C-alpha cells in the first residue's frame, strides 16, 4: 500500500512541477506577445488603423506554452551541444522550438482551412500570399524571445534544481554563500 501512495505522491509532485513550469512559460509568453501586440498597435495607429487583439494574445500564449511543454516532453532541446558553450545550446534550442511553433501554426492553419472546406494547397497558398512577411517577422520574434528563456533554463540546469529561483527571488547570500554586507567586501 505504501508503494501506491508513494507513486501517487510522485505523480502529484510531477504534476505540480509541470503546472509551475507551464505557468512560468505562459507568463513569459504573455508578456512577450503582449509587447509585440502593443508595438503592432502603435504602428497601425500611426496609419489610423484600429487594432485590438489582447484576448487573442492570452489564447496564443496558452497554446504556445502547451506546445513548448510538448517540445520539452519530446526532449527537443536535449543537449546536442552539451560540451559546447551555453550559447550553442541556447541558440539551438531557440531555433528548434521556433520551428516547432511554426510547424504547429501551419498545422493549425491547415486544420482551420479544412474546416472551411479548403484544400491544404489552398490554405498554404493563402498563408504565403496574404501574410508571409508577418509570419517571417513573427518567427524571428519568437526566436529572439526564446533566447533568454532557454539561456535561463540552461543556467538553471548548471546551477542545480531551484538555485536560479533562489538567486533571483531570495537573498543571494542564502544561495551562493556570499555576504551581502559591503563591509566584508571592502577588505
N, C-alpha and C. Protein backbone atom coordinates (compact mmCIF):
# COMPACT_ATOMS: atom_id res chain seq x y z
N UNK A 1 0.82 -1.19 0.00
CA UNK A 1 0.00 0.00 0.00
C UNK A 1 0.87 1.26 0.00
N UNK A 2 2.01 1.16 0.69
CA UNK A 2 2.90 2.31 0.77
C UNK A 2 3.46 2.66 -0.61
N UNK A 3 3.74 1.64 -1.44
CA UNK A 3 4.23 1.88 -2.80
C UNK A 3 3.23 2.65 -3.63
N UNK A 4 1.94 2.35 -3.45
CA UNK A 4 0.90 3.06 -4.20
C UNK A 4 0.83 4.52 -3.79
N UNK A 5 0.92 4.79 -2.49
CA UNK A 5 0.86 6.19 -2.03
C UNK A 5 2.11 6.95 -2.47
N UNK A 6 3.28 6.26 -2.51
CA UNK A 6 4.50 6.91 -2.99
C UNK A 6 4.37 7.27 -4.47
N UNK A 7 3.80 6.38 -5.28
CA UNK A 7 3.63 6.68 -6.70
C UNK A 7 2.61 7.79 -6.92
N UNK A 8 1.57 7.82 -6.09
CA UNK A 8 0.59 8.91 -6.18
C UNK A 8 1.23 10.23 -5.79
N UNK A 9 2.05 10.19 -4.73
CA UNK A 9 2.76 11.39 -4.30
C UNK A 9 3.73 11.85 -5.38
N UNK A 10 4.43 10.90 -6.00
CA UNK A 10 5.37 11.23 -7.08
C UNK A 10 4.64 11.83 -8.27
N UNK A 11 3.50 11.25 -8.63
CA UNK A 11 2.70 11.77 -9.72
C UNK A 11 2.21 13.18 -9.40
N UNK A 12 1.76 13.37 -8.17
CA UNK A 12 1.28 14.69 -7.75
C UNK A 12 2.42 15.72 -7.82
N UNK A 13 3.60 15.32 -7.36
CA UNK A 13 4.76 16.22 -7.40
C UNK A 13 5.12 16.58 -8.84
N UNK A 14 5.08 15.59 -9.74
CA UNK A 14 5.38 15.86 -11.15
C UNK A 14 4.35 16.78 -11.77
N UNK A 15 3.06 16.56 -11.43
CA UNK A 15 2.00 17.43 -11.96
C UNK A 15 2.16 18.86 -11.47
N UNK A 16 2.50 19.00 -10.20
CA UNK A 16 2.71 20.34 -9.64
C UNK A 16 3.91 21.01 -10.32
N UNK A 17 4.98 20.26 -10.51
CA UNK A 17 6.17 20.81 -11.17
C UNK A 17 5.85 21.22 -12.61
N UNK A 18 5.10 20.39 -13.33
CA UNK A 18 4.73 20.73 -14.72
C UNK A 18 3.79 21.92 -14.76
N UNK A 19 2.88 22.01 -13.78
CA UNK A 19 1.96 23.15 -13.73
C UNK A 19 2.74 24.45 -13.49
N UNK A 20 3.73 24.40 -12.61
CA UNK A 20 4.57 25.57 -12.35
C UNK A 20 5.36 25.95 -13.60
N UNK A 21 5.90 24.94 -14.27
CA UNK A 21 6.67 25.20 -15.49
C UNK A 21 5.77 25.81 -16.56
N UNK A 22 4.57 25.26 -16.70
CA UNK A 22 3.61 25.80 -17.67
C UNK A 22 3.27 27.24 -17.35
N UNK A 23 3.01 27.53 -16.08
CA UNK A 23 2.65 28.88 -15.66
C UNK A 23 3.79 29.86 -15.95
N UNK A 24 5.02 29.44 -15.68
CA UNK A 24 6.17 30.31 -15.94
C UNK A 24 6.28 30.60 -17.44
N UNK A 25 6.16 29.56 -18.27
CA UNK A 25 6.24 29.74 -19.72
C UNK A 25 5.09 30.62 -20.21
N UNK A 26 3.89 30.37 -19.71
CA UNK A 26 2.70 31.13 -20.10
C UNK A 26 2.88 32.61 -19.78
N UNK A 27 3.32 32.92 -18.59
CA UNK A 27 3.50 34.33 -18.19
C UNK A 27 4.58 34.99 -19.05
N UNK A 28 5.68 34.29 -19.28
CA UNK A 28 6.75 34.83 -20.12
C UNK A 28 6.23 35.13 -21.53
N UNK A 29 5.52 34.17 -22.11
CA UNK A 29 4.97 34.38 -23.46
C UNK A 29 3.90 35.45 -23.48
N UNK A 30 3.06 35.50 -22.46
CA UNK A 30 2.02 36.52 -22.39
C UNK A 30 2.63 37.91 -22.38
N UNK A 31 3.66 38.10 -21.58
CA UNK A 31 4.33 39.41 -21.55
C UNK A 31 5.00 39.72 -22.88
N UNK A 32 5.71 38.74 -23.45
CA UNK A 32 6.42 38.96 -24.71
C UNK A 32 5.47 39.23 -25.86
N UNK A 33 4.43 38.40 -25.98
CA UNK A 33 3.47 38.59 -27.07
C UNK A 33 2.65 39.85 -26.86
N UNK A 34 2.37 40.18 -25.61
CA UNK A 34 1.66 41.43 -25.30
C UNK A 34 2.45 42.64 -25.76
N UNK A 35 3.77 42.60 -25.56
CA UNK A 35 4.61 43.70 -26.05
C UNK A 35 4.57 43.79 -27.57
N UNK A 36 4.58 42.63 -28.22
CA UNK A 36 4.51 42.62 -29.68
C UNK A 36 3.19 43.22 -30.17
N UNK A 37 2.10 42.87 -29.52
CA UNK A 37 0.79 43.41 -29.91
C UNK A 37 0.74 44.92 -29.67
N UNK A 38 1.30 45.37 -28.55
CA UNK A 38 1.34 46.82 -28.30
C UNK A 38 2.13 47.54 -29.37
N UNK A 39 3.25 46.96 -29.78
CA UNK A 39 4.06 47.56 -30.83
C UNK A 39 3.29 47.61 -32.15
N UNK A 40 2.65 46.51 -32.49
CA UNK A 40 1.86 46.46 -33.72
C UNK A 40 0.72 47.48 -33.67
N UNK A 41 0.09 47.59 -32.52
CA UNK A 41 -1.00 48.55 -32.36
C UNK A 41 -0.49 49.98 -32.56
N UNK A 42 0.69 50.28 -32.01
CA UNK A 42 1.26 51.62 -32.14
C UNK A 42 1.59 51.94 -33.60
N UNK A 43 2.14 50.97 -34.31
CA UNK A 43 2.48 51.19 -35.72
C UNK A 43 1.21 51.41 -36.54
N UNK A 44 0.21 50.57 -36.33
CA UNK A 44 -1.03 50.71 -37.09
C UNK A 44 -1.78 51.99 -36.73
N UNK A 45 -1.66 52.43 -35.48
CA UNK A 45 -2.32 53.67 -35.07
C UNK A 45 -1.75 54.87 -35.83
N UNK A 46 -0.46 54.80 -36.18
CA UNK A 46 0.15 55.87 -36.98
C UNK A 46 -0.53 56.01 -38.34
N UNK A 47 -1.14 54.95 -38.82
CA UNK A 47 -1.83 54.96 -40.11
C UNK A 47 -3.35 55.02 -39.95
N UNK A 48 -3.80 55.28 -38.73
CA UNK A 48 -5.23 55.43 -38.48
C UNK A 48 -5.98 54.10 -38.48
N UNK A 49 -5.26 53.00 -38.27
CA UNK A 49 -5.90 51.68 -38.26
C UNK A 49 -6.07 51.23 -36.81
N UNK A 50 -7.27 50.88 -36.46
CA UNK A 50 -7.55 50.41 -35.11
C UNK A 50 -7.17 48.93 -35.01
N UNK A 51 -6.49 48.58 -33.94
CA UNK A 51 -6.04 47.21 -33.76
C UNK A 51 -6.15 46.86 -32.28
N UNK A 52 -6.87 45.81 -31.98
CA UNK A 52 -7.06 45.43 -30.58
C UNK A 52 -7.24 43.92 -30.51
N UNK A 53 -6.16 43.20 -30.18
CA UNK A 53 -6.23 41.74 -30.12
C UNK A 53 -5.63 41.20 -28.82
N UNK A 54 -5.91 41.82 -27.70
CA UNK A 54 -5.30 41.37 -26.46
C UNK A 54 -5.86 40.03 -25.99
N UNK A 55 -7.12 39.76 -26.24
CA UNK A 55 -7.69 38.46 -25.87
C UNK A 55 -7.03 37.34 -26.65
N UNK A 56 -6.72 37.60 -27.90
CA UNK A 56 -6.05 36.61 -28.73
C UNK A 56 -4.67 36.28 -28.17
N UNK A 57 -3.99 37.27 -27.60
CA UNK A 57 -2.66 37.07 -27.04
C UNK A 57 -2.71 36.07 -25.88
N UNK A 58 -3.72 36.16 -25.05
CA UNK A 58 -3.86 35.24 -23.93
C UNK A 58 -4.02 33.81 -24.45
N UNK A 59 -4.88 33.64 -25.44
CA UNK A 59 -5.11 32.31 -26.02
C UNK A 59 -3.84 31.80 -26.69
N UNK A 60 -3.17 32.67 -27.44
CA UNK A 60 -1.95 32.26 -28.13
C UNK A 60 -0.85 31.90 -27.14
N UNK A 61 -0.69 32.67 -26.07
CA UNK A 61 0.32 32.36 -25.06
C UNK A 61 0.03 31.01 -24.41
N UNK A 62 -1.25 30.74 -24.17
CA UNK A 62 -1.65 29.45 -23.59
C UNK A 62 -1.28 28.30 -24.54
N UNK A 63 -1.62 28.45 -25.81
CA UNK A 63 -1.35 27.39 -26.79
C UNK A 63 0.16 27.21 -26.98
N UNK A 64 0.89 28.31 -27.11
CA UNK A 64 2.34 28.21 -27.29
C UNK A 64 3.02 27.60 -26.08
N UNK A 65 2.55 27.93 -24.89
CA UNK A 65 3.12 27.33 -23.68
C UNK A 65 2.91 25.82 -23.70
N UNK A 66 1.74 25.40 -24.15
CA UNK A 66 1.46 23.97 -24.26
C UNK A 66 2.36 23.32 -25.31
N UNK A 67 2.58 23.99 -26.45
CA UNK A 67 3.47 23.47 -27.49
C UNK A 67 4.89 23.34 -26.95
N UNK A 68 5.34 24.32 -26.20
CA UNK A 68 6.69 24.27 -25.63
C UNK A 68 6.80 23.12 -24.64
N UNK A 69 5.77 22.90 -23.83
CA UNK A 69 5.80 21.76 -22.91
C UNK A 69 5.87 20.45 -23.69
N UNK A 70 5.15 20.36 -24.79
CA UNK A 70 5.22 19.16 -25.64
C UNK A 70 6.65 18.98 -26.16
N UNK A 71 7.27 20.07 -26.59
CA UNK A 71 8.66 20.01 -27.04
C UNK A 71 9.60 19.55 -25.95
N UNK A 72 9.36 19.99 -24.71
CA UNK A 72 10.17 19.53 -23.59
C UNK A 72 9.97 18.03 -23.35
N UNK A 73 8.72 17.57 -23.45
CA UNK A 73 8.44 16.15 -23.28
C UNK A 73 9.16 15.34 -24.35
N UNK A 74 9.18 15.84 -25.58
CA UNK A 74 9.88 15.18 -26.68
C UNK A 74 11.39 15.34 -26.56
N UNK A 75 11.83 16.15 -25.61
CA UNK A 75 13.25 16.43 -25.36
C UNK A 75 13.96 17.00 -26.59
N UNK A 76 13.29 17.94 -27.24
CA UNK A 76 13.86 18.55 -28.45
C UNK A 76 15.12 19.36 -28.15
N UNK A 77 15.17 19.94 -26.96
CA UNK A 77 16.31 20.79 -26.64
C UNK A 77 17.48 19.98 -26.12
N UNK A 78 17.31 18.70 -25.93
CA UNK A 78 18.33 17.92 -25.26
C UNK A 78 19.48 17.66 -26.15
N UNK A 79 20.35 17.97 -25.70
CA UNK A 79 21.65 18.50 -25.50
C UNK A 79 22.58 18.12 -26.62
N UNK A 80 22.27 18.61 -27.77
CA UNK A 80 23.11 18.35 -28.92
C UNK A 80 24.49 18.98 -28.75
N UNK A 81 24.53 20.13 -28.11
CA UNK A 81 25.80 20.85 -27.94
C UNK A 81 26.20 20.87 -26.46
N UNK A 82 26.03 19.73 -25.79
CA UNK A 82 26.23 19.64 -24.35
C UNK A 82 27.65 20.06 -23.94
N UNK A 83 28.65 19.74 -24.73
CA UNK A 83 30.02 20.04 -24.36
C UNK A 83 30.50 21.40 -24.87
N UNK A 84 29.62 22.14 -25.53
CA UNK A 84 29.96 23.45 -26.09
C UNK A 84 29.54 24.55 -25.12
N UNK A 85 29.95 25.79 -25.38
CA UNK A 85 29.47 26.92 -24.56
C UNK A 85 27.94 27.02 -24.60
N UNK A 86 27.35 27.59 -23.57
CA UNK A 86 25.90 27.68 -23.44
C UNK A 86 25.23 28.38 -24.62
N UNK A 87 25.92 29.26 -25.28
CA UNK A 87 25.31 29.98 -26.40
C UNK A 87 24.88 29.02 -27.50
N UNK A 88 25.64 27.96 -27.73
CA UNK A 88 25.27 26.98 -28.75
C UNK A 88 23.97 26.26 -28.39
N UNK A 89 23.92 25.77 -27.16
CA UNK A 89 22.71 25.07 -26.71
C UNK A 89 21.52 26.01 -26.71
N UNK A 90 21.73 27.24 -26.27
CA UNK A 90 20.65 28.22 -26.20
C UNK A 90 20.11 28.53 -27.60
N UNK A 91 20.99 28.85 -28.53
CA UNK A 91 20.55 29.18 -29.89
C UNK A 91 19.94 27.97 -30.59
N UNK A 92 20.50 26.79 -30.38
CA UNK A 92 19.94 25.57 -30.97
C UNK A 92 18.52 25.34 -30.46
N UNK A 93 18.34 25.43 -29.14
CA UNK A 93 17.02 25.22 -28.56
C UNK A 93 16.02 26.28 -29.04
N UNK A 94 16.46 27.53 -29.11
CA UNK A 94 15.57 28.60 -29.58
C UNK A 94 15.15 28.34 -31.02
N UNK A 95 16.08 27.89 -31.85
CA UNK A 95 15.77 27.60 -33.25
C UNK A 95 14.81 26.41 -33.36
N UNK A 96 15.11 25.33 -32.67
CA UNK A 96 14.27 24.12 -32.74
C UNK A 96 12.86 24.42 -32.26
N UNK A 97 12.73 25.15 -31.16
CA UNK A 97 11.39 25.44 -30.63
C UNK A 97 10.67 26.47 -31.50
N UNK A 98 11.39 27.37 -32.13
CA UNK A 98 10.76 28.29 -33.08
C UNK A 98 10.18 27.51 -34.25
N UNK A 99 10.95 26.55 -34.75
CA UNK A 99 10.47 25.71 -35.85
C UNK A 99 9.28 24.86 -35.41
N UNK A 100 9.31 24.38 -34.17
CA UNK A 100 8.18 23.62 -33.64
C UNK A 100 6.92 24.47 -33.62
N UNK A 101 7.03 25.70 -33.13
CA UNK A 101 5.88 26.60 -33.07
C UNK A 101 5.38 26.91 -34.48
N UNK A 102 6.29 27.14 -35.42
CA UNK A 102 5.90 27.39 -36.80
C UNK A 102 5.14 26.19 -37.35
N UNK A 103 5.67 25.00 -37.08
CA UNK A 103 5.02 23.78 -37.55
C UNK A 103 3.61 23.64 -37.00
N UNK A 104 3.45 23.89 -35.70
CA UNK A 104 2.12 23.83 -35.10
C UNK A 104 1.20 24.90 -35.68
N UNK A 105 1.76 26.08 -35.96
CA UNK A 105 0.98 27.16 -36.55
C UNK A 105 0.48 26.76 -37.94
N UNK A 106 1.34 26.15 -38.74
CA UNK A 106 0.94 25.71 -40.08
C UNK A 106 -0.14 24.63 -39.97
N UNK A 107 0.04 23.68 -39.05
CA UNK A 107 -0.96 22.64 -38.85
C UNK A 107 -2.30 23.25 -38.43
N UNK A 108 -2.23 24.24 -37.54
CA UNK A 108 -3.45 24.93 -37.09
C UNK A 108 -4.16 25.60 -38.28
N UNK A 109 -3.39 26.26 -39.13
CA UNK A 109 -3.96 26.93 -40.30
C UNK A 109 -4.57 25.93 -41.27
N UNK A 110 -3.89 24.79 -41.47
CA UNK A 110 -4.39 23.76 -42.38
C UNK A 110 -5.70 23.17 -41.85
N UNK A 111 -5.75 22.92 -40.55
CA UNK A 111 -6.99 22.39 -39.95
C UNK A 111 -8.11 23.41 -40.07
N UNK A 112 -7.79 24.67 -39.82
CA UNK A 112 -8.79 25.73 -39.97
C UNK A 112 -9.28 25.80 -41.41
N UNK A 113 -8.37 25.71 -42.36
CA UNK A 113 -8.76 25.71 -43.77
C UNK A 113 -9.63 24.52 -44.11
N UNK A 114 -9.28 23.35 -43.58
CA UNK A 114 -10.06 22.15 -43.82
C UNK A 114 -11.48 22.31 -43.27
N UNK A 115 -11.59 22.92 -42.09
CA UNK A 115 -12.92 23.15 -41.51
C UNK A 115 -13.74 24.13 -42.35
N UNK A 116 -13.05 24.99 -43.11
CA UNK A 116 -13.72 25.93 -44.01
C UNK A 116 -13.74 25.42 -45.45
N UNK A 117 -13.56 24.11 -45.61
CA UNK A 117 -13.68 23.41 -46.89
C UNK A 117 -12.65 23.89 -47.92
N UNK A 118 -11.43 24.14 -47.47
CA UNK A 118 -10.33 24.48 -48.38
C UNK A 118 -9.32 23.33 -48.36
N UNK A 119 -8.64 23.15 -49.48
CA UNK A 119 -7.61 22.12 -49.54
C UNK A 119 -6.36 22.62 -48.83
N UNK A 120 -5.44 21.70 -48.58
CA UNK A 120 -4.17 22.05 -47.96
C UNK A 120 -3.41 23.04 -48.84
N UNK A 121 -3.40 22.78 -50.14
CA UNK A 121 -2.69 23.66 -51.08
C UNK A 121 -3.28 25.07 -51.05
N UNK A 122 -4.62 25.16 -51.05
CA UNK A 122 -5.27 26.48 -50.99
C UNK A 122 -4.91 27.20 -49.70
N UNK A 123 -4.91 26.47 -48.60
CA UNK A 123 -4.61 27.09 -47.31
C UNK A 123 -3.17 27.58 -47.25
N UNK A 124 -2.23 26.75 -47.69
CA UNK A 124 -0.82 27.15 -47.68
C UNK A 124 -0.60 28.33 -48.64
N UNK A 125 -1.21 28.28 -49.80
CA UNK A 125 -1.09 29.38 -50.76
C UNK A 125 -1.61 30.68 -50.14
N UNK A 126 -2.75 30.59 -49.47
CA UNK A 126 -3.33 31.77 -48.82
C UNK A 126 -2.41 32.29 -47.72
N UNK A 127 -1.80 31.39 -46.95
CA UNK A 127 -0.87 31.81 -45.89
C UNK A 127 0.32 32.55 -46.50
N UNK A 128 0.84 32.03 -47.59
CA UNK A 128 2.01 32.64 -48.24
C UNK A 128 1.64 33.96 -48.89
N UNK A 129 0.51 33.97 -49.60
CA UNK A 129 0.10 35.16 -50.34
C UNK A 129 -0.26 36.32 -49.42
N UNK A 130 -1.00 36.04 -48.37
CA UNK A 130 -1.51 37.12 -47.52
C UNK A 130 -0.55 37.55 -46.42
N UNK A 131 0.23 36.63 -45.89
CA UNK A 131 0.95 37.04 -44.70
C UNK A 131 2.33 36.45 -44.51
N UNK A 132 3.07 36.18 -45.57
CA UNK A 132 4.38 35.58 -45.39
C UNK A 132 5.32 36.52 -44.65
N UNK A 133 5.22 37.83 -44.92
CA UNK A 133 6.11 38.78 -44.25
C UNK A 133 5.80 38.86 -42.75
N UNK A 134 4.53 38.80 -42.39
CA UNK A 134 4.18 38.82 -40.97
C UNK A 134 4.58 37.51 -40.31
N UNK A 135 4.41 36.39 -41.03
CA UNK A 135 4.81 35.10 -40.48
C UNK A 135 6.32 35.05 -40.25
N UNK A 136 7.09 35.59 -41.20
CA UNK A 136 8.53 35.63 -41.04
C UNK A 136 8.93 36.51 -39.85
N UNK A 137 8.32 37.67 -39.74
CA UNK A 137 8.61 38.56 -38.61
C UNK A 137 8.24 37.89 -37.29
N UNK A 138 7.12 37.20 -37.28
CA UNK A 138 6.67 36.50 -36.08
C UNK A 138 7.64 35.39 -35.68
N UNK A 139 8.14 34.66 -36.68
CA UNK A 139 9.10 33.59 -36.42
C UNK A 139 10.40 34.16 -35.85
N UNK A 140 10.87 35.23 -36.44
CA UNK A 140 12.09 35.86 -35.93
C UNK A 140 11.88 36.39 -34.51
N UNK A 141 10.71 36.98 -34.27
CA UNK A 141 10.39 37.48 -32.94
C UNK A 141 10.38 36.33 -31.93
N UNK A 142 9.74 35.22 -32.28
CA UNK A 142 9.71 34.07 -31.37
C UNK A 142 11.11 33.54 -31.11
N UNK A 143 11.93 33.46 -32.14
CA UNK A 143 13.30 33.01 -31.96
C UNK A 143 14.02 33.90 -30.94
N UNK A 144 13.87 35.21 -31.09
CA UNK A 144 14.55 36.14 -30.19
C UNK A 144 14.00 36.04 -28.76
N UNK A 145 12.68 35.87 -28.59
CA UNK A 145 12.17 35.78 -27.22
C UNK A 145 12.48 34.41 -26.60
N UNK A 146 12.75 33.40 -27.43
CA UNK A 146 13.15 32.11 -26.88
C UNK A 146 14.59 32.10 -26.39
N UNK A 147 15.43 32.99 -26.89
CA UNK A 147 16.83 33.01 -26.49
C UNK A 147 16.98 33.23 -24.98
N UNK A 148 16.39 34.28 -24.38
CA UNK A 148 16.54 34.41 -22.93
C UNK A 148 15.87 33.27 -22.16
N UNK A 149 14.75 32.77 -22.67
CA UNK A 149 14.07 31.66 -22.00
C UNK A 149 15.00 30.46 -21.88
N UNK A 150 15.62 30.07 -23.00
CA UNK A 150 16.50 28.90 -22.97
C UNK A 150 17.83 29.20 -22.28
N UNK A 151 18.29 30.43 -22.35
CA UNK A 151 19.52 30.79 -21.63
C UNK A 151 19.32 30.62 -20.13
N UNK A 152 18.19 31.13 -19.61
CA UNK A 152 17.91 30.97 -18.20
C UNK A 152 17.68 29.50 -17.84
N UNK A 153 17.07 28.76 -18.72
CA UNK A 153 16.86 27.34 -18.48
C UNK A 153 18.20 26.61 -18.38
N UNK A 154 19.13 26.92 -19.27
CA UNK A 154 20.45 26.29 -19.25
C UNK A 154 21.24 26.69 -18.02
N UNK A 155 21.18 27.97 -17.67
CA UNK A 155 21.89 28.43 -16.47
C UNK A 155 21.30 27.77 -15.23
N UNK A 156 19.97 27.66 -15.19
CA UNK A 156 19.33 26.98 -14.07
C UNK A 156 19.75 25.53 -13.96
N UNK A 157 19.90 24.85 -15.08
CA UNK A 157 20.34 23.46 -15.07
C UNK A 157 21.78 23.35 -14.55
N UNK A 158 22.63 24.32 -14.90
CA UNK A 158 24.00 24.30 -14.42
C UNK A 158 24.09 24.57 -12.92
N UNK A 159 23.27 25.50 -12.43
CA UNK A 159 23.30 25.84 -11.01
C UNK A 159 22.73 24.74 -10.15
N UNK A 160 21.78 23.99 -10.68
CA UNK A 160 21.11 22.95 -9.90
C UNK A 160 19.67 23.32 -9.67
N UNK A 161 18.87 22.31 -9.39
CA UNK A 161 17.42 22.50 -9.26
C UNK A 161 17.08 23.51 -8.17
N UNK A 162 16.32 24.52 -8.55
CA UNK A 162 15.84 25.52 -7.61
C UNK A 162 16.80 26.66 -7.32
N UNK A 163 18.06 26.53 -7.73
CA UNK A 163 19.06 27.56 -7.41
C UNK A 163 18.82 28.86 -8.15
N UNK A 164 18.40 28.80 -9.41
CA UNK A 164 18.15 30.02 -10.17
C UNK A 164 17.02 30.82 -9.53
N UNK A 165 15.98 30.16 -9.11
CA UNK A 165 14.86 30.83 -8.43
C UNK A 165 15.35 31.45 -7.14
N UNK A 166 16.20 30.72 -6.41
CA UNK A 166 16.76 31.27 -5.18
C UNK A 166 17.54 32.55 -5.45
N UNK A 167 18.40 32.52 -6.45
CA UNK A 167 19.25 33.67 -6.75
C UNK A 167 18.41 34.87 -7.17
N UNK A 168 17.34 34.63 -7.93
CA UNK A 168 16.52 35.73 -8.43
C UNK A 168 15.53 36.25 -7.41
N UNK A 169 14.95 35.37 -6.62
CA UNK A 169 13.83 35.80 -5.78
C UNK A 169 14.09 35.72 -4.28
N UNK A 170 15.22 35.18 -3.87
CA UNK A 170 15.59 35.16 -2.47
C UNK A 170 16.90 35.91 -2.31
N UNK A 171 17.36 36.00 -1.10
CA UNK A 171 18.64 36.68 -0.89
C UNK A 171 19.77 35.91 -1.55
N UNK A 172 20.66 36.61 -2.18
CA UNK A 172 21.80 35.95 -2.83
C UNK A 172 22.68 35.24 -1.83
N UNK A 173 22.86 35.82 -0.67
CA UNK A 173 23.75 35.20 0.31
C UNK A 173 23.23 33.84 0.76
N UNK A 174 21.92 33.64 0.71
CA UNK A 174 21.35 32.36 1.12
C UNK A 174 21.68 31.27 0.13
N UNK A 175 21.81 31.60 -1.14
CA UNK A 175 22.02 30.56 -2.14
C UNK A 175 23.46 30.45 -2.61
N UNK A 176 24.25 31.52 -2.51
CA UNK A 176 25.60 31.48 -3.05
C UNK A 176 26.67 31.45 -1.98
N UNK A 177 26.30 31.75 -0.75
CA UNK A 177 27.28 31.78 0.31
C UNK A 177 28.03 33.09 0.39
N UNK A 178 27.72 34.05 -0.48
CA UNK A 178 28.37 35.35 -0.46
C UNK A 178 27.63 36.28 0.48
N UNK A 179 28.37 37.10 1.14
CA UNK A 179 27.77 38.06 2.04
C UNK A 179 27.27 39.26 1.25
N UNK A 180 26.14 39.80 1.67
CA UNK A 180 25.62 41.00 1.03
C UNK A 180 26.07 42.24 1.78
N UNK A 181 26.82 42.08 2.85
CA UNK A 181 27.31 43.19 3.64
C UNK A 181 28.52 43.82 2.96
N UNK A 182 28.46 45.11 2.65
CA UNK A 182 29.54 45.80 1.96
C UNK A 182 30.81 45.85 2.76
N UNK A 183 30.72 45.86 4.10
CA UNK A 183 31.93 45.99 4.93
C UNK A 183 32.83 44.78 4.76
N UNK A 184 32.29 43.60 4.49
CA UNK A 184 33.14 42.43 4.29
C UNK A 184 33.79 42.42 2.92
N UNK A 185 33.22 43.15 1.98
CA UNK A 185 33.79 43.19 0.63
C UNK A 185 34.87 44.25 0.48
N UNK A 186 35.02 45.14 1.46
CA UNK A 186 35.98 46.24 1.34
C UNK A 186 37.39 45.85 1.74
N UNK A 187 37.54 44.79 2.45
CA UNK A 187 38.85 44.41 2.98
C UNK A 187 39.80 44.07 1.90
